[in-house]
C-alpha atoms as a PDB file:
ATOM      1  CA  MET A   1       0.000   0.000   0.000  1.00  0.00           C
ATOM      2  CA  PRO A   2       1.531   3.325  -1.031  1.00  0.00           C
ATOM      3  CA  ARG A   3       2.750   5.395   1.927  1.00  0.00           C
ATOM      4  CA  LYS A   4       0.856   8.622   2.507  1.00  0.00           C
ATOM      5  CA  GLN A   5       2.936  11.558   1.454  1.00  0.00           C
ATOM      6  CA  GLN A   6       3.838  13.738   4.405  1.00  0.00           C
ATOM      7  CA  ALA A   7       3.301  17.467   4.228  1.00  0.00           C
ATOM      8  CA  VAL A   8       6.522  19.399   4.147  1.00  0.00           C
ATOM      9  CA  GLN A   9       6.604  22.164   6.781  1.00  0.00           C
ATOM     10  CA  VAL A  10       7.987  25.334   5.358  1.00  0.00           C
ATOM     11  CA  LYS A  11       9.792  27.520   7.874  1.00  0.00           C
ATOM     12  CA  LYS A  12       8.714  31.109   7.725  1.00  0.00           C
ATOM     13  CA  ARG A  13      11.419  33.678   7.125  1.00  0.00           C
ATOM     14  CA  GLN A  14      12.137  35.640  10.261  1.00  0.00           C
ATOM     15  CA  LYS A  15      12.719  39.345  10.208  1.00  0.00           C
ATOM     16  CA  THR A  16      15.352  40.930  12.391  1.00  0.00           C
ATOM     17  CA  TYR A  17      13.782  43.277  14.935  1.00  0.00           C
ATOM     18  CA  ARG A  18      14.933  46.859  14.852  1.00  0.00           C
ATOM     19  CA  PRO A  19      13.573  49.255  17.473  1.00  0.00           C
ATOM     20  CA  GLY A  20      11.020  51.637  16.032  1.00  0.00           C
ATOM     21  CA  GLU A  21      10.358  49.584  12.930  1.00  0.00           C
ATOM     22  CA  MET A  22       6.895  48.058  12.272  1.00  0.00           C
ATOM     23  CA  SER A  23       6.269  44.800  10.473  1.00  0.00           C
ATOM     24  CA  GLY A  24       4.621  44.882   7.075  1.00  0.00           C
ATOM     25  CA  ASP A  25       1.162  43.907   8.306  1.00  0.00           C
ATOM     26  CA  PHE A  26       0.924  46.475  11.068  1.00  0.00           C
ATOM     27  CA  ALA A  27       2.493  49.328   9.161  1.00  0.00           C
ATOM     28  CA  HIS A  28      -0.792  49.923   7.350  1.00  0.00           C
ATOM     29  CA  VAL A  29      -3.011  49.766  10.412  1.00  0.00           C
ATOM     30  CA  LYS A  30      -4.338  53.223  11.380  1.00  0.00           C
ATOM     31  CA  PRO A  31      -5.389  53.958  14.966  1.00  0.00           C
ATOM     32  CA  ARG A  32      -9.026  54.748  15.527  1.00  0.00           C
ATOM     33  CA  GLY A  33     -10.982  56.904  17.955  1.00  0.00           C
ATOM     34  CA  VAL A  34      -9.117  58.484  20.848  1.00  0.00           C
ATOM     35  CA  PHE A  35      -5.964  56.517  19.948  1.00  0.00           C
ATOM     36  CA  ARG A  36      -5.510  58.770  16.914  1.00  0.00           C
ATOM     37  CA  LEU A  37      -4.258  61.464  19.308  1.00  0.00           C
ATOM     38  CA  PHE A  38      -1.148  59.402  20.109  1.00  0.00           C
ATOM     39  CA  SER A  39      -0.026  59.516  16.490  1.00  0.00           C
ATOM     40  CA  ASN A  40      -0.148  63.336  16.346  1.00  0.00           C
ATOM     41  CA  TYR A  41       3.419  64.156  17.350  1.00  0.00           C
ATOM     42  CA  ARG A  42       3.073  67.878  16.715  1.00  0.00           C
ATOM     43  CA  LEU A  43       0.157  68.097  19.123  1.00  0.00           C
ATOM     44  CA  PHE A  44       2.096  66.303  21.858  1.00  0.00           C
ATOM     45  CA  ALA A  45       5.111  68.598  21.328  1.00  0.00           C
ATOM     46  CA  ALA A  46       2.912  71.693  21.681  1.00  0.00           C
ATOM     47  CA  ILE A  47       1.331  70.334  24.859  1.00  0.00           C
ATOM     48  CA  GLY A  48       4.810  69.660  26.308  1.00  0.00           C
ATOM     49  CA  VAL A  49       6.034  73.208  25.619  1.00  0.00           C
ATOM     50  CA  VAL A  50       2.933  74.721  27.225  1.00  0.00           C
ATOM     51  CA  ALA A  51       3.288  72.494  30.313  1.00  0.00           C
ATOM     52  CA  LEU A  52       6.985  73.320  30.735  1.00  0.00           C
ATOM     53  CA  THR A  53       6.393  77.080  30.423  1.00  0.00           C
ATOM     54  CA  ALA A  54       3.534  76.962  32.917  1.00  0.00           C
ATOM     55  CA  GLY A  55       5.698  75.017  35.399  1.00  0.00           C
ATOM     56  CA  LEU A  56       8.544  77.539  35.249  1.00  0.00           C
ATOM     57  CA  LEU A  57       6.141  80.464  35.659  1.00  0.00           C
ATOM     58  CA  LEU A  58       4.515  78.790  38.661  1.00  0.00           C
ATOM     59  CA  ALA A  59       7.916  78.181  40.288  1.00  0.00           C
ATOM     60  CA  VAL A  60       8.856  81.856  39.951  1.00  0.00           C
ATOM     61  CA  LEU A  61       5.543  83.024  41.369  1.00  0.00           C
ATOM     62  CA  LEU A  62       5.715  80.667  44.343  1.00  0.00           C
ATOM     63  CA  GLY A  63       9.354  81.538  45.034  1.00  0.00           C
ATOM     64  CA  GLY A  64       8.585  85.235  45.211  1.00  0.00           C
ATOM     65  CA  GLY A  65      11.924  86.058  43.538  1.00  0.00           C
ATOM     66  CA  SER A  66      15.394  84.980  44.714  1.00  0.00           C
ATOM     67  CA  THR A  67      17.455  88.148  44.296  1.00  0.00           C
ATOM     68  CA  PRO A  68      19.383  88.797  47.519  1.00  0.00           C
ATOM     69  CA  VAL A  69      18.954  92.323  48.910  1.00  0.00           C
ATOM     70  CA  ASP A  70      20.568  94.151  51.785  1.00  0.00           C
ATOM     71  CA  SER A  71      18.843  94.876  55.077  1.00  0.00           C
ATOM     72  CA  ASP A  72      17.437  98.138  53.713  1.00  0.00           C
ATOM     73  CA  GLY A  73      16.063  96.496  50.579  1.00  0.00           C
ATOM     74  CA  ASN A  74      18.188  98.755  48.409  1.00  0.00           C
ATOM     75  CA  GLY A  75      19.376  96.199  45.894  1.00  0.00           C
ATOM     76  CA  VAL A  76      21.798  93.360  45.402  1.00  0.00           C
ATOM     77  CA  ARG A  77      24.727  92.915  47.800  1.00  0.00           C
ATOM     78  CA  GLY A  78      27.527  90.489  47.010  1.00  0.00           C
ATOM     79  CA  ALA A  79      26.133  89.397  43.655  1.00  0.00           C
ATOM     80  CA  GLY A  80      27.909  86.280  42.474  1.00  0.00           C
ATOM     81  CA  VAL A  81      28.924  85.306  45.995  1.00  0.00           C
ATOM     82  CA  ILE A  82      30.431  81.863  46.424  1.00  0.00           C
ATOM     83  CA  ARG A  83      30.025  80.637  49.992  1.00  0.00           C
ATOM     84  CA  THR A  84      31.661  77.454  51.239  1.00  0.00           C
ATOM     85  CA  THR A  85      31.015  76.310  54.788  1.00  0.00           C
ATOM     86  CA  PRO A  86      33.138  73.353  55.944  1.00  0.00           C
ATOM     87  CA  GLN A  87      30.990  70.505  57.224  1.00  0.00           C
ATOM     88  CA  PRO A  88      31.582  68.735  60.556  1.00  0.00           C
ATOM     89  CA  GLY A  89      34.628  66.527  60.276  1.00  0.00           C
ATOM     90  CA  GLU A  90      36.251  68.473  57.437  1.00  0.00           C
ATOM     91  CA  THR A  91      39.768  69.827  57.908  1.00  0.00           C
ATOM     92  CA  VAL A  92      40.139  73.584  58.160  1.00  0.00           C
ATOM     93  CA  ALA A  93      43.519  75.273  57.742  1.00  0.00           C
ATOM     94  CA  SER A  94      45.300  76.186  60.970  1.00  0.00           C
ATOM     95  CA  GLY A  95      44.100  79.558  62.163  1.00  0.00           C
ATOM     96  CA  SER A  96      41.322  79.769  59.609  1.00  0.00           C
ATOM     97  CA  SER A  97      37.792  80.946  60.283  1.00  0.00           C
ATOM     98  CA  ALA A  98      34.865  78.519  60.474  1.00  0.00           C
ATOM     99  CA  ASN A  99      33.200  80.023  57.402  1.00  0.00           C
ATOM    100  CA  THR A 100      35.187  80.760  54.268  1.00  0.00           C
ATOM    101  CA  ILE A 101      33.491  83.292  52.010  1.00  0.00           C
ATOM    102  CA  THR A 102      34.819  84.307  48.605  1.00  0.00           C
ATOM    103  CA  TYR A 103      33.481  86.643  45.951  1.00  0.00           C
ATOM    104  CA  THR A 104      33.896  86.853  42.197  1.00  0.00           C
ATOM    105  CA  SER A 105      34.481  90.615  42.082  1.00  0.00           C
ATOM    106  CA  PRO A 106      34.938  93.675  44.336  1.00  0.00           C
ATOM    107  CA  PRO A 107      31.790  95.300  45.761  1.00  0.00           C
ATOM    108  CA  PRO A 108      30.222  98.344  44.086  1.00  0.00           C
ATOM    109  CA  MET A 109      30.875 101.743  45.648  1.00  0.00           C
ATOM    110  CA  THR A 110      28.200 102.342  48.291  1.00  0.00           C
ATOM    111  CA  ILE A 111      29.819 104.590  50.920  1.00  0.00           C
ATOM    112  CA  ASP A 112      29.562 108.373  51.061  1.00  0.00           C
ATOM    113  CA  THR A 113      33.115 109.741  50.972  1.00  0.00           C
ATOM    114  CA  SER A 114      31.962 112.956  52.649  1.00  0.00           C
ATOM    115  CA  LYS A 115      30.995 111.055  55.817  1.00  0.00           C
ATOM    116  CA  MET A 116      33.080 109.673  58.658  1.00  0.00           C
ATOM    117  CA  TYR A 117      33.277 105.923  59.232  1.00  0.00           C
ATOM    118  CA  THR A 118      34.397 104.295  62.474  1.00  0.00           C
ATOM    119  CA  ALA A 119      35.144 100.591  62.802  1.00  0.00           C
ATOM    120  CA  VAL A 120      35.219  98.683  66.072  1.00  0.00           C
ATOM    121  CA  ILE A 121      37.213  95.469  65.627  1.00  0.00           C
ATOM    122  CA  LYS A 122      36.168  93.163  68.448  1.00  0.00           C
ATOM    123  CA  THR A 123      38.834  90.567  69.246  1.00  0.00           C
ATOM    124  CA  GLU A 124      39.265  87.958  71.945  1.00  0.00           C
ATOM    125  CA  LYS A 125      41.882  90.279  73.437  1.00  0.00           C
ATOM    126  CA  GLY A 126      39.637  93.372  73.456  1.00  0.00           C
ATOM    127  CA  ASP A 127      38.308  96.055  71.114  1.00  0.00           C
ATOM    128  CA  ILE A 128      40.270  98.107  68.599  1.00  0.00           C
ATOM    129  CA  THR A 129      38.570 101.288  67.383  1.00  0.00           C
ATOM    130  CA  VAL A 130      39.694 102.644  64.035  1.00  0.00           C
ATOM    131  CA  GLN A 131      38.837 105.905  62.269  1.00  0.00           C
ATOM    132  CA  LEU A 132      38.563 105.089  58.571  1.00  0.00           C
ATOM    133  CA  ASP A 133      39.581 107.632  55.915  1.00  0.00           C
ATOM    134  CA  PRO A 134      37.300 107.397  52.845  1.00  0.00           C
ATOM    135  CA  SER A 135      38.582 110.688  51.410  1.00  0.00           C
ATOM    136  CA  ALA A 136      42.116 109.280  51.094  1.00  0.00           C
ATOM    137  CA  ALA A 137      41.283 105.715  50.052  1.00  0.00           C
ATOM    138  CA  PRO A 138      37.609 105.417  49.053  1.00  0.00           C
ATOM    139  CA  THR A 139      37.950 102.002  47.389  1.00  0.00           C
ATOM    140  CA  ALA A 140      39.761 100.453  50.361  1.00  0.00           C
ATOM    141  CA  VAL A 141      37.303 101.885  52.888  1.00  0.00           C
ATOM    142  CA  ASN A 142      34.280 100.878  50.826  1.00  0.00           C
ATOM    143  CA  ASN A 143      35.672  97.346  50.533  1.00  0.00           C
ATOM    144  CA  PHE A 144      36.371  97.096  54.271  1.00  0.00           C
ATOM    145  CA  VAL A 145      32.892  98.359  55.163  1.00  0.00           C
ATOM    146  CA  PHE A 146      31.326  95.864  52.765  1.00  0.00           C
ATOM    147  CA  LEU A 147      33.259  92.863  54.082  1.00  0.00           C
ATOM    148  CA  ALA A 148      32.580  93.867  57.692  1.00  0.00           C
ATOM    149  CA  GLY A 149      28.859  94.070  56.964  1.00  0.00           C
ATOM    150  CA  GLU A 150      28.971  90.633  55.338  1.00  0.00           C
ATOM    151  CA  GLY A 151      30.571  89.098  58.429  1.00  0.00           C
ATOM    152  CA  PHE A 152      33.650  88.189  56.381  1.00  0.00           C
ATOM    153  CA  TYR A 153      36.055  88.987  59.225  1.00  0.00           C
ATOM    154  CA  ASP A 154      34.127  87.093  61.898  1.00  0.00           C
ATOM    155  CA  GLY A 155      36.442  84.347  63.156  1.00  0.00           C
ATOM    156  CA  VAL A 156      39.451  85.501  61.099  1.00  0.00           C
ATOM    157  CA  THR A 157      42.757  85.649  62.989  1.00  0.00           C
ATOM    158  CA  PHE A 158      45.833  87.850  63.176  1.00  0.00           C
ATOM    159  CA  TRP A 159      47.889  85.304  61.290  1.00  0.00           C
ATOM    160  CA  ARG A 160      51.125  87.332  61.287  1.00  0.00           C
ATOM    161  CA  VAL A 161      52.570  89.451  64.110  1.00  0.00           C
ATOM    162  CA  VAL A 162      56.148  90.594  63.457  1.00  0.00           C
ATOM    163  CA  ALA A 163      58.652  91.810  66.056  1.00  0.00           C
ATOM    164  CA  ASP A 164      62.171  93.178  65.614  1.00  0.00           C
ATOM    165  CA  ASP A 165      65.337  91.631  67.034  1.00  0.00           C
ATOM    166  CA  ASP A 166      64.776  93.415  70.331  1.00  0.00           C
ATOM    167  CA  GLY A 167      61.272  91.986  70.706  1.00  0.00           C
ATOM    168  CA  ASN A 168      59.475  95.225  69.830  1.00  0.00           C
ATOM    169  CA  LEU A 169      56.287  94.622  67.846  1.00  0.00           C
ATOM    170  CA  ARG A 170      56.194  96.206  64.402  1.00  0.00           C
ATOM    171  CA  PHE A 171      53.275  94.785  62.360  1.00  0.00           C
ATOM    172  CA  ALA A 172      50.074  92.815  62.952  1.00  0.00           C
ATOM    173  CA  GLN A 173      48.396  91.404  59.852  1.00  0.00           C
ATOM    174  CA  ALA A 174      44.901  89.906  59.514  1.00  0.00           C
ATOM    175  CA  GLY A 175      42.070  89.466  57.011  1.00  0.00           C
ATOM    176  CA  ASP A 176      42.993  86.050  55.579  1.00  0.00           C
ATOM    177  CA  PRO A 177      40.175  83.542  56.229  1.00  0.00           C
ATOM    178  CA  THR A 178      42.544  80.616  55.595  1.00  0.00           C
ATOM    179  CA  GLY A 179      45.043  81.746  58.226  1.00  0.00           C
ATOM    180  CA  THR A 180      47.931  81.008  55.860  1.00  0.00           C
ATOM    181  CA  GLY A 181      48.674  84.463  54.463  1.00  0.00           C
ATOM    182  CA  ILE A 182      47.872  83.514  50.875  1.00  0.00           C
ATOM    183  CA  GLY A 183      44.086  83.774  51.097  1.00  0.00           C
ATOM    184  CA  GLY A 184      41.701  86.618  50.503  1.00  0.00           C
ATOM    185  CA  ALA A 185      38.197  87.557  49.459  1.00  0.00           C
ATOM    186  CA  GLY A 186      38.555  86.031  45.987  1.00  0.00           C
ATOM    187  CA  TYR A 187      39.520  89.248  44.177  1.00  0.00           C
ATOM    188  CA  ASP A 188      42.170  91.986  44.133  1.00  0.00           C
ATOM    189  CA  LEU A 189      41.708  95.733  44.539  1.00  0.00           C
ATOM    190  CA  PRO A 190      43.394  98.478  42.540  1.00  0.00           C
ATOM    191  CA  TYR A 191      46.288 100.091  44.367  1.00  0.00           C
ATOM    192  CA  GLU A 192      45.376 103.524  45.761  1.00  0.00           C
ATOM    193  CA  GLU A 193      48.303 105.868  46.327  1.00  0.00           C
ATOM    194  CA  THR A 194      48.079 107.703  49.657  1.00  0.00           C
ATOM    195  CA  ASP A 195      50.481 110.204  51.222  1.00  0.00           C
ATOM    196  CA  THR A 196      49.489 109.504  54.821  1.00  0.00           C
ATOM    197  CA  PRO A 197      52.657 108.742  56.847  1.00  0.00           C
ATOM    198  CA  PHE A 198      52.984 105.426  58.669  1.00  0.00           C
ATOM    199  CA  THR A 199      52.857 106.136  62.382  1.00  0.00           C
ATOM    200  CA  ALA A 200      51.900 103.948  65.340  1.00  0.00           C
ATOM    201  CA  GLY A 201      48.381 102.575  64.827  1.00  0.00           C
ATOM    202  CA  THR A 202      48.226 103.080  61.060  1.00  0.00           C
ATOM    203  CA  LEU A 203      45.829 100.752  59.212  1.00  0.00           C
ATOM    204  CA  ALA A 204      46.792  99.823  55.642  1.00  0.00           C
ATOM    205  CA  VAL A 205      45.925  97.315  52.924  1.00  0.00           C
ATOM    206  CA  ALA A 206      48.317  94.405  52.442  1.00  0.00           C
ATOM    207  CA  ARG A 207      49.832  93.793  49.035  1.00  0.00           C
ATOM    208  CA  LYS A 208      52.682  91.898  47.452  1.00  0.00           C
ATOM    209  CA  SER A 209      56.086  93.526  47.447  1.00  0.00           C
ATOM    210  CA  GLU A 210      56.413  93.445  43.656  1.00  0.00           C
ATOM    211  CA  ALA A 211      56.109  96.851  41.990  1.00  0.00           C
ATOM    212  CA  GLY A 212      52.720  97.438  40.415  1.00  0.00           C
ATOM    213  CA  SER A 213      51.027  94.618  42.316  1.00  0.00           C
ATOM    214  CA  PRO A 214      47.371  95.186  43.285  1.00  0.00           C
ATOM    215  CA  ASN A 215      46.011  95.378  46.812  1.00  0.00           C
ATOM    216  CA  ASN A 216      44.767  92.201  48.440  1.00  0.00           C
ATOM    217  CA  GLY A 217      40.970  92.020  48.562  1.00  0.00           C
ATOM    218  CA  SER A 218      40.672  91.525  52.329  1.00  0.00           C
ATOM    219  CA  GLN A 219      44.033  91.492  54.139  1.00  0.00           C
ATOM    220  CA  PHE A 220      45.131  94.483  56.193  1.00  0.00           C
ATOM    221  CA  PHE A 221      47.830  95.313  58.751  1.00  0.00           C
ATOM    222  CA  PHE A 222      48.498  97.640  61.679  1.00  0.00           C
ATOM    223  CA  THR A 223      51.809  99.288  62.545  1.00  0.00           C
ATOM    224  CA  TYR A 224      53.047  99.539  66.142  1.00  0.00           C
ATOM    225  CA  GLN A 225      55.559 102.324  65.586  1.00  0.00           C
ATOM    226  CA  ASP A 226      56.616 104.853  62.976  1.00  0.00           C
ATOM    227  CA  GLU A 227      57.533 103.079  59.749  1.00  0.00           C
ATOM    228  CA  PRO A 228      58.696 105.790  57.308  1.00  0.00           C
ATOM    229  CA  THR A 229      60.140 103.209  54.907  1.00  0.00           C
ATOM    230  CA  LEU A 230      56.550 102.172  54.095  1.00  0.00           C
ATOM    231  CA  ASP A 231      55.351 105.654  53.166  1.00  0.00           C
ATOM    232  CA  GLY A 232      53.887 105.684  49.657  1.00  0.00           C
ATOM    233  CA  ASP A 233      54.212 101.919  49.166  1.00  0.00           C
ATOM    234  CA  PHE A 234      50.922 100.820  50.766  1.00  0.00           C
ATOM    235  CA  THR A 235      47.377 102.194  50.815  1.00  0.00           C
ATOM    236  CA  VAL A 236      46.611 103.756  54.201  1.00  0.00           C
ATOM    237  CA  PHE A 237      42.879 103.803  54.965  1.00  0.00           C
ATOM    238  CA  GLY A 238      42.574 104.251  58.722  1.00  0.00           C
ATOM    239  CA  GLN A 239      44.089 105.093  62.104  1.00  0.00           C
ATOM    240  CA  VAL A 240      43.655 103.465  65.517  1.00  0.00           C
ATOM    241  CA  ILE A 241      42.055 105.912  67.941  1.00  0.00           C
ATOM    242  CA  GLU A 242      41.587 103.436  70.791  1.00  0.00           C
ATOM    243  CA  GLY A 243      42.908  99.958  71.492  1.00  0.00           C
ATOM    244  CA  LEU A 244      46.646 100.118  70.828  1.00  0.00           C
ATOM    245  CA  ASP A 245      47.059  98.292  74.130  1.00  0.00           C
ATOM    246  CA  VAL A 246      44.972  95.450  72.688  1.00  0.00           C
ATOM    247  CA  LEU A 247      47.341  95.148  69.736  1.00  0.00           C
ATOM    248  CA  GLN A 248      50.222  94.990  72.185  1.00  0.00           C
ATOM    249  CA  GLN A 249      48.757  91.782  73.629  1.00  0.00           C
ATOM    250  CA  LEU A 250      49.181  89.879  70.373  1.00  0.00           C
ATOM    251  CA  VAL A 251      51.808  87.151  70.437  1.00  0.00           C
ATOM    252  CA  PRO A 252      54.524  87.338  67.738  1.00  0.00           C
ATOM    253  CA  ARG A 253      54.053  84.715  65.037  1.00  0.00           C
ATOM    254  CA  ASP A 254      55.275  84.559  61.447  1.00  0.00           C
ATOM    255  CA  PRO A 255      54.498  81.079  60.074  1.00  0.00           C
ATOM    256  CA  ARG A 256      56.076  80.015  56.821  1.00  0.00           C
ATOM    257  CA  PRO A 257      54.117  78.079  54.150  1.00  0.00           C
ATOM    258  CA  GLY A 258      53.695  74.469  55.213  1.00  0.00           C
ATOM    259  CA  GLU A 259      54.507  75.156  58.859  1.00  0.00           C
ATOM    260  CA  SER A 260      52.066  74.241  61.602  1.00  0.00           C
ATOM    261  CA  ALA A 261      51.463  76.900  64.237  1.00  0.00           C
ATOM    262  CA  GLU A 262      48.944  77.699  66.920  1.00  0.00           C
ATOM    263  CA  PRO A 263      46.121  79.953  65.650  1.00  0.00           C
ATOM    264  CA  GLY A 264      46.590  83.673  66.170  1.00  0.00           C
ATOM    265  CA  ALA A 265      44.270  85.946  68.125  1.00  0.00           C
ATOM    266  CA  LYS A 266      40.762  85.799  66.721  1.00  0.00           C
ATOM    267  CA  ILE A 267      38.576  88.646  65.461  1.00  0.00           C
ATOM    268  CA  GLU A 268      35.061  88.081  66.752  1.00  0.00           C
ATOM    269  CA  SER A 269      33.321  90.754  64.661  1.00  0.00           C
ATOM    270  CA  VAL A 270      33.760  94.141  62.991  1.00  0.00           C
ATOM    271  CA  GLU A 271      31.093  96.829  63.489  1.00  0.00           C
ATOM    272  CA  VAL A 272      31.157  99.960  61.325  1.00  0.00           C
ATOM    273  CA  SER A 273      29.196 103.143  62.002  1.00  0.00           C
ATOM    274  CA  GLU A 274      28.940 106.339  59.952  1.00  0.00           C
ATOM    275  CA  SER A 275      28.431 109.939  61.001  1.00  0.00           C
END
């Protein structure tokens, strides 16, 4: 009896799947009803733009604006400020303040050079009262008043106190938040030439010894005695009127880079008043 012929099974040709590509049968199927909306890409793009714009507008309205203003509401203070506060457990340079604040540029001129400005530098040794001189060095005084108002000097130390061979104090330098002598406010100031002589209690801006170098943005120093060799080389912007005895209590210290030393006397705050 002849054997029944078996049907030969033909294997269908498989098509390699590529993301985003439809097979031939489904490529011609058109969505119906509400599903037609999902194929309208332009409509979905428009809806997305409207939703994004509405979200941004709502965020601005709820935030009420984020422009920092001073206590009088007279505009921006310290625009572009970069503030870095070390967290618990982080290492802070020897003699440095707890909060390191730096700025991208010097502050705008806000003081009135026709007025008198008095600064009280409160230290752990006592208070030092300084009469600032905006008529002689308006940029330096304006900068000092700004930084004092920002609390920049709070916690900063007198990192360098220099004495001569006989033990007589000559200079006391502060204003570096790192306590190393190489720090500052993040910017330099233009050098202002002043003809005020260096006498005991003179307050001046620190700067590098190279000719033509700018003033440091935050560091300053006091003199303990007459220093005529400094006349004309540094910007004088104030004079101690009370508290020279406090400066005399500072311990001499002149750490070199990389050296470890006990922190210098700390500045607790600087309060400036005008009259």
